[in-house]
Amino acid sequence: MEVRLAGLTLPNPVLTAAGCGGTGRELAPYTDLARLGAFITPSVTAQPRAGRPTPRLAEAPSGVLSATGLPGPGVDGFLQRDMPWLAEQDTRVIVSVAGASASEYAAVARRLRDDPDADIAALEVNVACPNAEDRGSLFAGHPEAAAAVIRAVRGNIRPDVPLFAKLSPDVTDIVTIALACVDAGASGVSLINTVTGMAIDPVTLRPALSGIAGGLSGPAIRPIAIRCVHQVHAALPDTPIIGGGGIASGADALEFLLAGASAVAVGTTLLHDPGAATRILRELEESLASTGLGTAAEAIGLAHRPHVPRQRIRPELPALAAVPNPPQPVPQPVPQSQESP
């Protein structure tokens, strides 16, 4: 199950998605964090944030809409309270960072770099944040803005720390954004963040979220995430990808690996099944065995290679069998009183 991720050696490819595992304390009674490939923290900002007022969550078909406003203790509170606890869990820590300007991202990275006790495996730069200097448009929506954030973070973190740009799918060409981030110094990309959506409460007749619109996550967005991972891996095959979006089973995780992800981030499913990460890890091992693959690394990008044998990917599906000269349906005459479809 061991995989390589931008210079990191992970015992397995299953990670937690930023924000969905809390600070780690909430998940620890249900999941041994040391067994996971890595734990991704909630997005850390320069200053403490209270986040948006409630309601912050609204159920949606096959998913959930959220608009939390990235609440948190700020980088100093994170380093004083959360980082020491995570260090005691013997888990690899990927710190998600966020900001309202490139300089704020840089300040968070600099503070993390200067703390001698911060044992950070990598950074995930959440560029799907509003740019306060550009009327609130997302950094991830523009190649130049996303690249500016990556350059700011790269210039304020140790050069040996891998840096992943977390991108939004709400763009015309996600490959262009990914390429801009890699050119600016990103070691890899994290695909995808939530898809922008909205719901109206039928009782109040008003938006269901206090922030009006929010981010849709869960199984509903998995096909979008798979498409993004496949596109970016096809264009940038040497760029490591953390794939995520609607992963609820080991078969889902395998789908991301086949599309080109080197690791997968489990998110929304943790809200109702906090032990899901270890279950998905076990199921992924079973799914790999069912395909005849010996290691997780062998599955990475396999969907891009020609002449892949027809083998079962999902254990619950029957194996595909070649049918020589399949029988052709006999055309039936259309009654004169009916129209052809």
C-alpha atoms as a PDB file:
ATOM      1  CA  MET A   1       0.000   0.000   0.000  1.00  0.00           C
ATOM      2  CA  GLU A   2       3.034   2.310   0.190  1.00  0.00           C
ATOM      3  CA  VAL A   3       3.001   5.292  -2.203  1.00  0.00           C
ATOM      4  CA  ARG A   4       5.315   8.173  -3.031  1.00  0.00           C
ATOM      5  CA  LEU A   5       3.916  11.692  -2.963  1.00  0.00           C
ATOM      6  CA  ALA A   6       6.230  14.543  -4.018  1.00  0.00           C
ATOM      7  CA  GLY A   7       9.188  13.081  -2.146  1.00  0.00           C
ATOM      8  CA  LEU A   8       7.122  11.801   0.767  1.00  0.00           C
ATOM      9  CA  THR A   9       6.851   8.088   1.439  1.00  0.00           C
ATOM     10  CA  LEU A  10       3.396   7.311   2.819  1.00  0.00           C
ATOM     11  CA  PRO A  11       2.438   3.915   4.278  1.00  0.00           C
ATOM     12  CA  ASN A  12      -0.792   4.046   2.264  1.00  0.00           C
ATOM     13  CA  PRO A  13      -2.638   6.526   0.013  1.00  0.00           C
ATOM     14  CA  VAL A  14      -5.623   7.271   2.322  1.00  0.00           C
ATOM     15  CA  LEU A  15      -5.663  10.781   3.842  1.00  0.00           C
ATOM     16  CA  THR A  16      -8.306  12.929   5.519  1.00  0.00           C
ATOM     17  CA  ALA A  17      -9.643  15.950   3.648  1.00  0.00           C
ATOM     18  CA  ALA A  18      -9.035  19.390   5.156  1.00  0.00           C
ATOM     19  CA  GLY A  19     -11.672  20.392   7.685  1.00  0.00           C
ATOM     20  CA  CYS A  20     -13.602  17.111   7.631  1.00  0.00           C
ATOM     21  CA  GLY A  21     -11.568  15.449  10.372  1.00  0.00           C
ATOM     22  CA  GLY A  22     -11.662  18.425  12.707  1.00  0.00           C
ATOM     23  CA  THR A  23      -8.400  19.029  14.534  1.00  0.00           C
ATOM     24  CA  GLY A  24      -7.862  15.277  14.748  1.00  0.00           C
ATOM     25  CA  ARG A  25      -9.105  15.002  18.317  1.00  0.00           C
ATOM     26  CA  GLU A  26     -12.671  14.498  17.115  1.00  0.00           C
ATOM     27  CA  LEU A  27     -11.617  11.654  14.815  1.00  0.00           C
ATOM     28  CA  ALA A  28      -9.197   9.908  17.168  1.00  0.00           C
ATOM     29  CA  PRO A  29     -11.830   7.865  19.116  1.00  0.00           C
ATOM     30  CA  TYR A  30     -12.882   6.219  15.833  1.00  0.00           C
ATOM     31  CA  THR A  31      -9.709   6.131  13.734  1.00  0.00           C
ATOM     32  CA  ASP A  32      -6.071   5.445  14.547  1.00  0.00           C
ATOM     33  CA  LEU A  33      -4.525   8.488  12.860  1.00  0.00           C
ATOM     34  CA  ALA A  34      -1.126   6.782  12.743  1.00  0.00           C
ATOM     35  CA  ARG A  35      -2.579   4.157  10.364  1.00  0.00           C
ATOM     36  CA  LEU A  36      -3.528   6.758   7.767  1.00  0.00           C
ATOM     37  CA  GLY A  37      -1.247   7.955   5.014  1.00  0.00           C
ATOM     38  CA  ALA A  38      -1.494  11.471   6.478  1.00  0.00           C
ATOM     39  CA  PHE A  39      -3.836  13.826   8.308  1.00  0.00           C
ATOM     40  CA  ILE A  40      -4.722  17.085   6.549  1.00  0.00           C
ATOM     41  CA  THR A  41      -5.601  19.847   9.000  1.00  0.00           C
ATOM     42  CA  PRO A  42      -8.401  22.392   8.691  1.00  0.00           C
ATOM     43  CA  SER A  43      -7.296  25.482   6.765  1.00  0.00           C
ATOM     44  CA  VAL A  44      -5.083  27.649   8.966  1.00  0.00           C
ATOM     45  CA  THR A  45      -5.305  31.439   8.622  1.00  0.00           C
ATOM     46  CA  ALA A  46      -3.077  34.225   9.923  1.00  0.00           C
ATOM     47  CA  GLN A  47      -5.570  35.434  12.525  1.00  0.00           C
ATOM     48  CA  PRO A  48      -8.343  33.677  14.504  1.00  0.00           C
ATOM     49  CA  ARG A  49     -11.651  33.502  12.655  1.00  0.00           C
ATOM     50  CA  ALA A  50     -15.138  32.912  14.041  1.00  0.00           C
ATOM     51  CA  GLY A  51     -16.466  31.810  10.668  1.00  0.00           C
ATOM     52  CA  ARG A  52     -19.908  32.437   9.257  1.00  0.00           C
ATOM     53  CA  PRO A  53     -23.032  32.498  11.413  1.00  0.00           C
ATOM     54  CA  THR A  54     -25.301  29.468  11.357  1.00  0.00           C
ATOM     55  CA  PRO A  55     -26.762  27.783   9.404  1.00  0.00           C
ATOM     56  CA  ARG A  56     -23.481  26.637   7.870  1.00  0.00           C
ATOM     57  CA  LEU A  57     -24.587  23.238   6.547  1.00  0.00           C
ATOM     58  CA  ALA A  58     -27.506  22.085   4.433  1.00  0.00           C
ATOM     59  CA  GLU A  59     -28.188  18.582   3.179  1.00  0.00           C
ATOM     60  CA  ALA A  60     -28.320  18.089  -0.572  1.00  0.00           C
ATOM     61  CA  PRO A  61     -29.020  15.031  -2.748  1.00  0.00           C
ATOM     62  CA  SER A  62     -25.969  12.747  -2.433  1.00  0.00           C
ATOM     63  CA  GLY A  63     -24.004  15.353  -0.541  1.00  0.00           C
ATOM     64  CA  VAL A  64     -23.962  18.424   1.656  1.00  0.00           C
ATOM     65  CA  LEU A  65     -23.679  22.167   1.104  1.00  0.00           C
ATOM     66  CA  SER A  66     -21.370  24.017   3.477  1.00  0.00           C
ATOM     67  CA  ALA A  67     -20.290  27.603   4.020  1.00  0.00           C
ATOM     68  CA  THR A  68     -18.281  27.675   7.237  1.00  0.00           C
ATOM     69  CA  GLY A  69     -16.099  30.711   6.636  1.00  0.00           C
ATOM     70  CA  LEU A  70     -12.996  28.734   7.709  1.00  0.00           C
ATOM     71  CA  PRO A  71     -13.305  29.148  11.500  1.00  0.00           C
ATOM     72  CA  GLY A  72     -10.159  28.481  13.474  1.00  0.00           C
ATOM     73  CA  PRO A  73      -7.715  29.683  16.123  1.00  0.00           C
ATOM     74  CA  GLY A  74      -5.271  31.292  13.675  1.00  0.00           C
ATOM     75  CA  VAL A  75      -1.745  30.090  13.034  1.00  0.00           C
ATOM     76  CA  ASP A  76      -0.486  30.898  16.546  1.00  0.00           C
ATOM     77  CA  GLY A  77      -3.344  29.016  18.185  1.00  0.00           C
ATOM     78  CA  PHE A  78      -2.816  26.097  15.821  1.00  0.00           C
ATOM     79  CA  LEU A  79       0.882  25.872  16.698  1.00  0.00           C
ATOM     80  CA  GLN A  80       0.245  26.178  20.428  1.00  0.00           C
ATOM     81  CA  ARG A  81      -2.725  23.813  20.746  1.00  0.00           C
ATOM     82  CA  ASP A  82      -3.237  21.550  17.742  1.00  0.00           C
ATOM     83  CA  MET A  83       0.218  20.850  16.332  1.00  0.00           C
ATOM     84  CA  PRO A  84       1.690  19.465  19.593  1.00  0.00           C
ATOM     85  CA  TRP A  85      -1.258  17.082  19.968  1.00  0.00           C
ATOM     86  CA  LEU A  86      -0.919  15.853  16.377  1.00  0.00           C
ATOM     87  CA  ALA A  87       2.807  15.295  16.911  1.00  0.00           C
ATOM     88  CA  GLU A  88       1.966  12.917  19.760  1.00  0.00           C
ATOM     89  CA  GLN A  89      -0.220  10.793  17.448  1.00  0.00           C
ATOM     90  CA  ASP A  90       2.728   9.666  15.340  1.00  0.00           C
ATOM     91  CA  THR A  91       0.957  10.680  12.145  1.00  0.00           C
ATOM     92  CA  ARG A  92       2.183  12.600   9.134  1.00  0.00           C
ATOM     93  CA  VAL A  93       0.663  16.103   9.168  1.00  0.00           C
ATOM     94  CA  ILE A  94      -0.205  18.089   6.043  1.00  0.00           C
ATOM     95  CA  VAL A  95      -1.161  21.631   7.020  1.00  0.00           C
ATOM     96  CA  SER A  96      -3.812  23.373   4.936  1.00  0.00           C
ATOM     97  CA  VAL A  97      -3.240  27.127   4.691  1.00  0.00           C
ATOM     98  CA  ALA A  98      -5.643  29.859   3.579  1.00  0.00           C
ATOM     99  CA  GLY A  99      -5.818  33.623   3.351  1.00  0.00           C
ATOM    100  CA  ALA A 100      -7.511  36.654   1.865  1.00  0.00           C
ATOM    101  CA  SER A 101      -4.369  37.904   0.116  1.00  0.00           C
ATOM    102  CA  ALA A 102      -1.085  36.505  -1.125  1.00  0.00           C
ATOM    103  CA  SER A 103       0.695  38.292   1.719  1.00  0.00           C
ATOM    104  CA  GLU A 104      -1.577  36.594   4.285  1.00  0.00           C
ATOM    105  CA  TYR A 105      -0.770  33.156   2.846  1.00  0.00           C
ATOM    106  CA  ALA A 106       2.916  34.098   3.034  1.00  0.00           C
ATOM    107  CA  ALA A 107       2.579  35.152   6.671  1.00  0.00           C
ATOM    108  CA  VAL A 108       1.058  31.791   7.639  1.00  0.00           C
ATOM    109  CA  ALA A 109       3.791  29.885   5.784  1.00  0.00           C
ATOM    110  CA  ARG A 110       6.512  31.986   7.407  1.00  0.00           C
ATOM    111  CA  ARG A 111       5.103  31.395  10.881  1.00  0.00           C
ATOM    112  CA  LEU A 112       4.971  27.633  10.263  1.00  0.00           C
ATOM    113  CA  ARG A 113       8.534  27.683   8.942  1.00  0.00           C
ATOM    114  CA  ASP A 114       9.887  29.573  11.924  1.00  0.00           C
ATOM    115  CA  ASP A 115       8.365  27.312  14.572  1.00  0.00           C
ATOM    116  CA  PRO A 116      11.109  24.806  15.514  1.00  0.00           C
ATOM    117  CA  ASP A 117       8.619  22.270  16.896  1.00  0.00           C
ATOM    118  CA  ALA A 118       6.310  22.166  13.878  1.00  0.00           C
ATOM    119  CA  ASP A 119       6.857  18.771  12.252  1.00  0.00           C
ATOM    120  CA  ILE A 120       5.118  19.366   8.939  1.00  0.00           C
ATOM    121  CA  ALA A 121       5.160  16.755   6.181  1.00  0.00           C
ATOM    122  CA  ALA A 122       3.694  19.081   3.531  1.00  0.00           C
ATOM    123  CA  LEU A 123       1.468  22.097   2.946  1.00  0.00           C
ATOM    124  CA  GLU A 124      -1.841  22.137   1.090  1.00  0.00           C
ATOM    125  CA  VAL A 125      -2.473  25.669  -0.172  1.00  0.00           C
ATOM    126  CA  ASN A 126      -6.210  26.288  -0.356  1.00  0.00           C
ATOM    127  CA  VAL A 127      -6.336  28.749  -3.260  1.00  0.00           C
ATOM    128  CA  ALA A 128     -10.131  28.326  -3.452  1.00  0.00           C
ATOM    129  CA  CYS A 129     -10.483  31.336  -1.141  1.00  0.00           C
ATOM    130  CA  PRO A 130     -11.862  34.810  -1.967  1.00  0.00           C
ATOM    131  CA  ASN A 131      -9.216  37.351  -2.984  1.00  0.00           C
ATOM    132  CA  ALA A 132      -9.961  40.466  -0.935  1.00  0.00           C
ATOM    133  CA  GLU A 133      -7.780  42.516  -3.295  1.00  0.00           C
ATOM    134  CA  ASP A 134      -9.819  41.514  -6.375  1.00  0.00           C
ATOM    135  CA  ARG A 135     -13.474  42.011  -5.364  1.00  0.00           C
ATOM    136  CA  GLY A 136     -13.617  38.625  -3.676  1.00  0.00           C
ATOM    137  CA  SER A 137     -13.000  36.487  -6.772  1.00  0.00           C
ATOM    138  CA  LEU A 138     -11.417  33.111  -6.047  1.00  0.00           C
ATOM    139  CA  PHE A 139      -7.634  32.866  -6.385  1.00  0.00           C
ATOM    140  CA  ALA A 140      -8.195  29.452  -7.965  1.00  0.00           C
ATOM    141  CA  GLY A 141     -10.306  31.029 -10.720  1.00  0.00           C
ATOM    142  CA  HIS A 142      -7.390  32.799 -12.370  1.00  0.00           C
ATOM    143  CA  PRO A 143      -3.982  31.328 -13.300  1.00  0.00           C
ATOM    144  CA  GLU A 144      -2.103  34.499 -12.382  1.00  0.00           C
ATOM    145  CA  ALA A 145      -3.792  34.889  -8.993  1.00  0.00           C
ATOM    146  CA  ALA A 146      -3.315  31.228  -8.077  1.00  0.00           C
ATOM    147  CA  ALA A 147       0.330  31.360  -9.164  1.00  0.00           C
ATOM    148  CA  ALA A 148       0.931  34.506  -7.088  1.00  0.00           C
ATOM    149  CA  VAL A 149      -0.265  32.698  -3.945  1.00  0.00           C
ATOM    150  CA  ILE A 150       1.921  29.669  -4.660  1.00  0.00           C
ATOM    151  CA  ARG A 151       4.988  31.865  -5.208  1.00  0.00           C
ATOM    152  CA  ALA A 152       4.273  33.719  -1.957  1.00  0.00           C
ATOM    153  CA  VAL A 153       4.022  30.480   0.015  1.00  0.00           C
ATOM    154  CA  ARG A 154       7.002  28.829  -1.688  1.00  0.00           C
ATOM    155  CA  GLY A 155       9.149  31.850  -0.882  1.00  0.00           C
ATOM    156  CA  ASN A 156       8.331  31.561   2.822  1.00  0.00           C
ATOM    157  CA  ILE A 157       8.607  27.837   3.484  1.00  0.00           C
ATOM    158  CA  ARG A 158      11.588  25.517   3.535  1.00  0.00           C
ATOM    159  CA  PRO A 159      12.442  24.326   0.013  1.00  0.00           C
ATOM    160  CA  ASP A 160      12.252  20.671   1.077  1.00  0.00           C
ATOM    161  CA  VAL A 161       8.595  20.932   2.192  1.00  0.00           C
ATOM    162  CA  PRO A 162       6.223  19.665  -0.539  1.00  0.00           C
ATOM    163  CA  LEU A 163       3.511  22.128  -1.478  1.00  0.00           C
ATOM    164  CA  PHE A 164       0.145  21.124  -2.975  1.00  0.00           C
ATOM    165  CA  ALA A 165      -2.227  23.626  -4.577  1.00  0.00           C
ATOM    166  CA  LYS A 166      -5.866  22.750  -3.791  1.00  0.00           C
ATOM    167  CA  LEU A 167      -7.894  23.777  -6.821  1.00  0.00           C
ATOM    168  CA  SER A 168     -11.527  24.594  -7.482  1.00  0.00           C
ATOM    169  CA  PRO A 169     -13.450  22.775 -10.230  1.00  0.00           C
ATOM    170  CA  ASP A 170     -15.446  25.951 -10.943  1.00  0.00           C
ATOM    171  CA  VAL A 171     -13.193  26.977 -13.831  1.00  0.00           C
ATOM    172  CA  THR A 172     -13.223  26.615 -17.600  1.00  0.00           C
ATOM    173  CA  ASP A 173      -9.868  24.821 -17.813  1.00  0.00           C
ATOM    174  CA  ILE A 174      -8.476  23.317 -14.625  1.00  0.00           C
ATOM    175  CA  VAL A 175      -5.339  22.123 -16.437  1.00  0.00           C
ATOM    176  CA  THR A 176      -4.311  25.736 -17.089  1.00  0.00           C
ATOM    177  CA  ILE A 177      -4.683  26.573 -13.384  1.00  0.00           C
ATOM    178  CA  ALA A 178      -2.718  23.466 -12.376  1.00  0.00           C
ATOM    179  CA  LEU A 179       0.080  24.260 -14.816  1.00  0.00           C
ATOM    180  CA  ALA A 180       0.327  27.832 -13.516  1.00  0.00           C
ATOM    181  CA  CYS A 181       0.622  26.575  -9.931  1.00  0.00           C
ATOM    182  CA  VAL A 182       3.289  23.999 -10.807  1.00  0.00           C
ATOM    183  CA  ASP A 183       5.278  26.599 -12.729  1.00  0.00           C
ATOM    184  CA  ALA A 184       5.057  28.875  -9.660  1.00  0.00           C
ATOM    185  CA  GLY A 185       6.588  26.241  -7.371  1.00  0.00           C
ATOM    186  CA  ALA A 186       3.852  23.791  -6.374  1.00  0.00           C
ATOM    187  CA  SER A 187       5.098  20.222  -5.926  1.00  0.00           C
ATOM    188  CA  GLY A 188       1.666  18.857  -6.831  1.00  0.00           C
ATOM    189  CA  VAL A 189      -2.041  19.613  -6.820  1.00  0.00           C
ATOM    190  CA  SER A 190      -5.030  18.583  -4.717  1.00  0.00           C
ATOM    191  CA  LEU A 191      -8.203  17.929  -6.725  1.00  0.00           C
ATOM    192  CA  ILE A 192     -10.856  18.983  -6.035  1.00  0.00           C
ATOM    193  CA  ASN A 193     -12.301  21.505  -3.659  1.00  0.00           C
ATOM    194  CA  THR A 194     -16.081  21.790  -3.386  1.00  0.00           C
ATOM    195  CA  VAL A 195     -18.393  22.761  -6.247  1.00  0.00           C
ATOM    196  CA  THR A 196     -20.311  25.999  -5.707  1.00  0.00           C
ATOM    197  CA  GLY A 197     -24.015  25.449  -5.124  1.00  0.00           C
ATOM    198  CA  MET A 198     -27.073  26.807  -3.359  1.00  0.00           C
ATOM    199  CA  ALA A 199     -30.304  25.625  -1.750  1.00  0.00           C
ATOM    200  CA  ILE A 200     -33.544  27.358  -0.754  1.00  0.00           C
ATOM    201  CA  ASP A 201     -35.254  26.359   2.489  1.00  0.00           C
ATOM    202  CA  PRO A 202     -38.891  25.499   1.632  1.00  0.00           C
ATOM    203  CA  VAL A 203     -40.016  26.493   5.137  1.00  0.00           C
ATOM    204  CA  THR A 204     -38.363  29.908   5.472  1.00  0.00           C
ATOM    205  CA  LEU A 205     -38.436  30.539   1.713  1.00  0.00           C
ATOM    206  CA  ARG A 206     -34.924  31.922   2.031  1.00  0.00           C
ATOM    207  CA  PRO A 207     -31.412  30.596   1.243  1.00  0.00           C
ATOM    208  CA  ALA A 208     -30.638  27.565   3.402  1.00  0.00           C
ATOM    209  CA  LEU A 209     -27.139  28.869   4.225  1.00  0.00           C
ATOM    210  CA  SER A 210     -26.303  32.136   5.955  1.00  0.00           C
ATOM    211  CA  GLY A 211     -23.640  32.699   3.305  1.00  0.00           C
ATOM    212  CA  ILE A 212     -26.252  32.283   0.527  1.00  0.00           C
ATOM    213  CA  ALA A 213     -24.098  29.988  -1.632  1.00  0.00           C
ATOM    214  CA  GLY A 214     -21.822  27.240  -0.381  1.00  0.00           C
ATOM    215  CA  GLY A 215     -19.627  24.364  -1.427  1.00  0.00           C
ATOM    216  CA  LEU A 216     -21.211  21.093  -2.513  1.00  0.00           C
ATOM    217  CA  SER A 217     -19.318  17.977  -1.421  1.00  0.00           C
ATOM    218  CA  GLY A 218     -20.069  14.275  -1.180  1.00  0.00           C
ATOM    219  CA  PRO A 219     -20.811  11.537  -3.739  1.00  0.00           C
ATOM    220  CA  ALA A 220     -22.618  14.003  -6.038  1.00  0.00           C
ATOM    221  CA  ILE A 221     -19.311  15.586  -7.076  1.00  0.00           C
ATOM    222  CA  ARG A 222     -17.239  12.411  -7.496  1.00  0.00           C
ATOM    223  CA  PRO A 223     -17.650  12.234 -11.305  1.00  0.00           C
ATOM    224  CA  ILE A 224     -16.495  15.855 -11.547  1.00  0.00           C
ATOM    225  CA  ALA A 225     -13.472  15.123  -9.361  1.00  0.00           C
ATOM    226  CA  ILE A 226     -12.544  12.032 -11.382  1.00  0.00           C
ATOM    227  CA  ARG A 227     -12.730  14.069 -14.591  1.00  0.00           C
ATOM    228  CA  CYS A 228     -10.460  16.756 -13.144  1.00  0.00           C
ATOM    229  CA  VAL A 229      -7.900  14.233 -11.878  1.00  0.00           C
ATOM    230  CA  HIS A 230      -7.891  12.425 -15.226  1.00  0.00           C
ATOM    231  CA  GLN A 231      -7.445  15.676 -17.197  1.00  0.00           C
ATOM    232  CA  VAL A 232      -4.613  16.994 -15.043  1.00  0.00           C
ATOM    233  CA  HIS A 233      -2.769  13.671 -14.949  1.00  0.00           C
ATOM    234  CA  ALA A 234      -3.039  13.401 -18.738  1.00  0.00           C
ATOM    235  CA  ALA A 235      -1.523  16.862 -19.170  1.00  0.00           C
ATOM    236  CA  LEU A 236       0.974  16.708 -16.283  1.00  0.00           C
ATOM    237  CA  PRO A 237       1.781  13.013 -15.769  1.00  0.00           C
ATOM    238  CA  ASP A 238       4.781  13.723 -13.521  1.00  0.00           C
ATOM    239  CA  THR A 239       2.818  15.980 -11.157  1.00  0.00           C
ATOM    240  CA  PRO A 240       1.619  14.222  -7.970  1.00  0.00           C
ATOM    241  CA  ILE A 241      -2.112  14.527  -7.306  1.00  0.00           C
ATOM    242  CA  ILE A 242      -4.128  14.206  -4.113  1.00  0.00           C
ATOM    243  CA  GLY A 243      -7.599  13.221  -5.325  1.00  0.00           C
ATOM    244  CA  GLY A 244     -10.782  13.777  -3.405  1.00  0.00           C
ATOM    245  CA  GLY A 245     -14.474  14.394  -3.783  1.00  0.00           C
ATOM    246  CA  GLY A 246     -17.204  12.002  -2.695  1.00  0.00           C
ATOM    247  CA  ILE A 247     -15.019   9.054  -1.663  1.00  0.00           C
ATOM    248  CA  ALA A 248     -17.152   6.685   0.420  1.00  0.00           C
ATOM    249  CA  SER A 249     -15.651   3.258  -0.308  1.00  0.00           C
ATOM    250  CA  GLY A 250     -12.451   1.505  -1.292  1.00  0.00           C
ATOM    251  CA  ALA A 251     -13.775   1.129  -4.842  1.00  0.00           C
ATOM    252  CA  ASP A 252     -14.209   4.923  -4.984  1.00  0.00           C
ATOM    253  CA  ALA A 253     -10.629   5.408  -3.803  1.00  0.00           C
ATOM    254  CA  LEU A 254      -9.348   2.975  -6.439  1.00  0.00           C
ATOM    255  CA  GLU A 255     -11.179   4.949  -9.123  1.00  0.00           C
ATOM    256  CA  PHE A 256      -9.160   8.045  -8.178  1.00  0.00           C
ATOM    257  CA  LEU A 257      -5.878   6.115  -8.293  1.00  0.00           C
ATOM    258  CA  LEU A 258      -6.737   4.735 -11.716  1.00  0.00           C
ATOM    259  CA  ALA A 259      -7.504   8.273 -12.923  1.00  0.00           C
ATOM    260  CA  GLY A 260      -4.035   9.421 -11.863  1.00  0.00           C
ATOM    261  CA  ALA A 261      -4.109  10.368  -8.172  1.00  0.00           C
ATOM    262  CA  SER A 262      -1.203   9.224  -5.995  1.00  0.00           C
ATOM    263  CA  ALA A 263      -3.245   9.624  -2.793  1.00  0.00           C
ATOM    264  CA  VAL A 264      -6.892  10.155  -1.877  1.00  0.00           C
ATOM    265  CA  ALA A 265      -8.549  12.453   0.653  1.00  0.00           C
ATOM    266  CA  VAL A 266     -11.651  11.210   2.501  1.00  0.00           C
ATOM    267  CA  GLY A 267     -13.940  14.043   3.518  1.00  0.00           C
ATOM    268  CA  THR A 268     -17.706  14.360   3.745  1.00  0.00           C
ATOM    269  CA  THR A 269     -18.322  10.704   4.567  1.00  0.00           C
ATOM    270  CA  LEU A 270     -16.494  11.269   7.864  1.00  0.00           C
ATOM    271  CA  LEU A 271     -19.360  13.497   9.003  1.00  0.00           C
ATOM    272  CA  HIS A 272     -21.693  10.508   9.355  1.00  0.00           C
ATOM    273  CA  ASP A 273     -19.124   7.690   9.546  1.00  0.00           C
ATOM    274  CA  PRO A 274     -16.090   8.927  11.517  1.00  0.00           C
ATOM    275  CA  GLY A 275     -14.380   5.552  11.181  1.00  0.00           C
ATOM    276  CA  ALA A 276     -14.664   5.603   7.394  1.00  0.00           C
ATOM    277  CA  ALA A 277     -10.992   6.270   6.656  1.00  0.00           C
ATOM    278  CA  THR A 278      -9.750   2.965   8.077  1.00  0.00           C
ATOM    279  CA  ARG A 279     -12.695   1.116   6.513  1.00  0.00           C
ATOM    280  CA  ILE A 280     -11.892   2.633   3.118  1.00  0.00           C
ATOM    281  CA  LEU A 281      -8.242   1.668   3.530  1.00  0.00           C
ATOM    282  CA  ARG A 282      -9.258  -1.940   4.154  1.00  0.00           C
ATOM    283  CA  GLU A 283     -11.681  -1.917   1.221  1.00  0.00           C
ATOM    284  CA  LEU A 284      -9.041  -0.400  -1.049  1.00  0.00           C
ATOM    285  CA  GLU A 285      -6.731  -3.322  -0.276  1.00  0.00           C
ATOM    286  CA  GLU A 286      -9.550  -5.701  -1.187  1.00  0.00           C
ATOM    287  CA  SER A 287     -10.327  -3.808  -4.397  1.00  0.00           C
ATOM    288  CA  LEU A 288      -6.678  -3.897  -5.443  1.00  0.00           C
ATOM    289  CA  ALA A 289      -6.578  -7.637  -4.837  1.00  0.00           C
ATOM    290  CA  SER A 290      -9.723  -8.142  -6.902  1.00  0.00           C
ATOM    291  CA  THR A 291      -8.099  -6.447  -9.909  1.00  0.00           C
ATOM    292  CA  GLY A 292      -4.932  -8.531  -9.665  1.00  0.00           C
ATOM    293  CA  LEU A 293      -2.778  -5.498  -8.840  1.00  0.00           C
ATOM    294  CA  GLY A 294      -0.021  -6.175  -6.355  1.00  0.00           C
ATOM    295  CA  THR A 295       0.451  -2.644  -5.012  1.00  0.00           C
ATOM    296  CA  ALA A 296      -1.377   0.673  -4.791  1.00  0.00           C
ATOM    297  CA  ALA A 297       1.400   2.307  -6.818  1.00  0.00           C
ATOM    298  CA  GLU A 298       0.639   0.011  -9.763  1.00  0.00           C
ATOM    299  CA  ALA A 299      -2.891   1.403  -9.963  1.00  0.00           C
ATOM    300  CA  ILE A 300      -1.842   5.057 -10.287  1.00  0.00           C
ATOM    301  CA  GLY A 301      -2.784   6.325 -13.740  1.00  0.00           C
ATOM    302  CA  LEU A 302      -3.650   2.856 -15.050  1.00  0.00           C
ATOM    303  CA  ALA A 303      -6.772   4.189 -16.787  1.00  0.00           C
ATOM    304  CA  HIS A 304      -4.504   6.211 -19.102  1.00  0.00           C
ATOM    305  CA  ARG A 305      -2.556   3.219 -20.361  1.00  0.00           C
ATOM    306  CA  PRO A 306      -3.609   1.293 -23.470  1.00  0.00           C
ATOM    307  CA  HIS A 307      -4.623  -2.358 -23.552  1.00  0.00           C
ATOM    308  CA  VAL A 308      -5.727  -2.629 -19.925  1.00  0.00           C
ATOM    309  CA  PRO A 309      -7.100  -6.173 -19.376  1.00  0.00           C
ATOM    310  CA  ARG A 310     -10.806  -6.374 -18.705  1.00  0.00           C
ATOM    311  CA  GLN A 311     -10.817  -7.117 -15.020  1.00  0.00           C
ATOM    312  CA  ARG A 312     -13.196  -6.278 -12.254  1.00  0.00           C
ATOM    313  CA  ILE A 313     -12.616  -2.895 -10.653  1.00  0.00           C
ATOM    314  CA  ARG A 314     -15.546  -3.015  -8.276  1.00  0.00           C
ATOM    315  CA  PRO A 315     -15.887  -6.314  -6.368  1.00  0.00           C
ATOM    316  CA  GLU A 316     -19.689  -6.224  -6.521  1.00  0.00           C
ATOM    317  CA  LEU A 317     -19.725  -6.244 -10.340  1.00  0.00           C
ATOM    318  CA  PRO A 318     -19.361  -9.469 -12.356  1.00  0.00           C
ATOM    319  CA  ALA A 319     -16.268  -9.940 -14.469  1.00  0.00           C
ATOM    320  CA  LEU A 320     -16.588  -8.812 -18.073  1.00  0.00           C
ATOM    321  CA  ALA A 321     -16.475 -11.647 -20.604  1.00  0.00           C
ATOM    322  CA  ALA A 322     -15.758 -11.287 -24.299  1.00  0.00           C
ATOM    323  CA  VAL A 323     -18.689 -12.441 -26.447  1.00  0.00           C
ATOM    324  CA  PRO A 324     -17.646 -13.569 -29.957  1.00  0.00           C
ATOM    325  CA  ASN A 325     -20.206 -12.706 -32.603  1.00  0.00           C
ATOM    326  CA  PRO A 326     -22.959 -11.527 -30.237  1.00  0.00           C
ATOM    327  CA  PRO A 327     -26.481 -12.139 -31.577  1.00  0.00           C
ATOM    328  CA  GLN A 328     -28.039  -9.144 -33.297  1.00  0.00           C
ATOM    329  CA  PRO A 329     -31.591  -8.091 -32.461  1.00  0.00           C
ATOM    330  CA  VAL A 330     -34.184  -8.921 -35.120  1.00  0.00           C
ATOM    331  CA  PRO A 331     -35.827  -5.714 -36.429  1.00  0.00           C
ATOM    332  CA  GLN A 332     -39.516  -5.571 -35.584  1.00  0.00           C
ATOM    333  CA  PRO A 333     -42.008  -3.875 -37.916  1.00  0.00           C
ATOM    334  CA  VAL A 334     -43.550  -0.669 -36.596  1.00  0.00           C
ATOM    335  CA  PRO A 335     -47.359  -0.721 -36.604  1.00  0.00           C
ATOM    336  CA  GLN A 336     -48.804   1.803 -39.032  1.00  0.00           C
ATOM    337  CA  SER A 337     -50.848   3.428 -36.292  1.00  0.00           C
ATOM    338  CA  GLN A 338     -47.716   4.397 -34.278  1.00  0.00           C
ATOM    339  CA  GLU A 339     -44.899   6.826 -34.921  1.00  0.00           C
ATOM    340  CA  SER A 340     -41.300   5.683 -34.892  1.00  0.00           C
ATOM    341  CA  PRO A 341     -39.409   7.041 -31.872  1.00  0.00           C
END
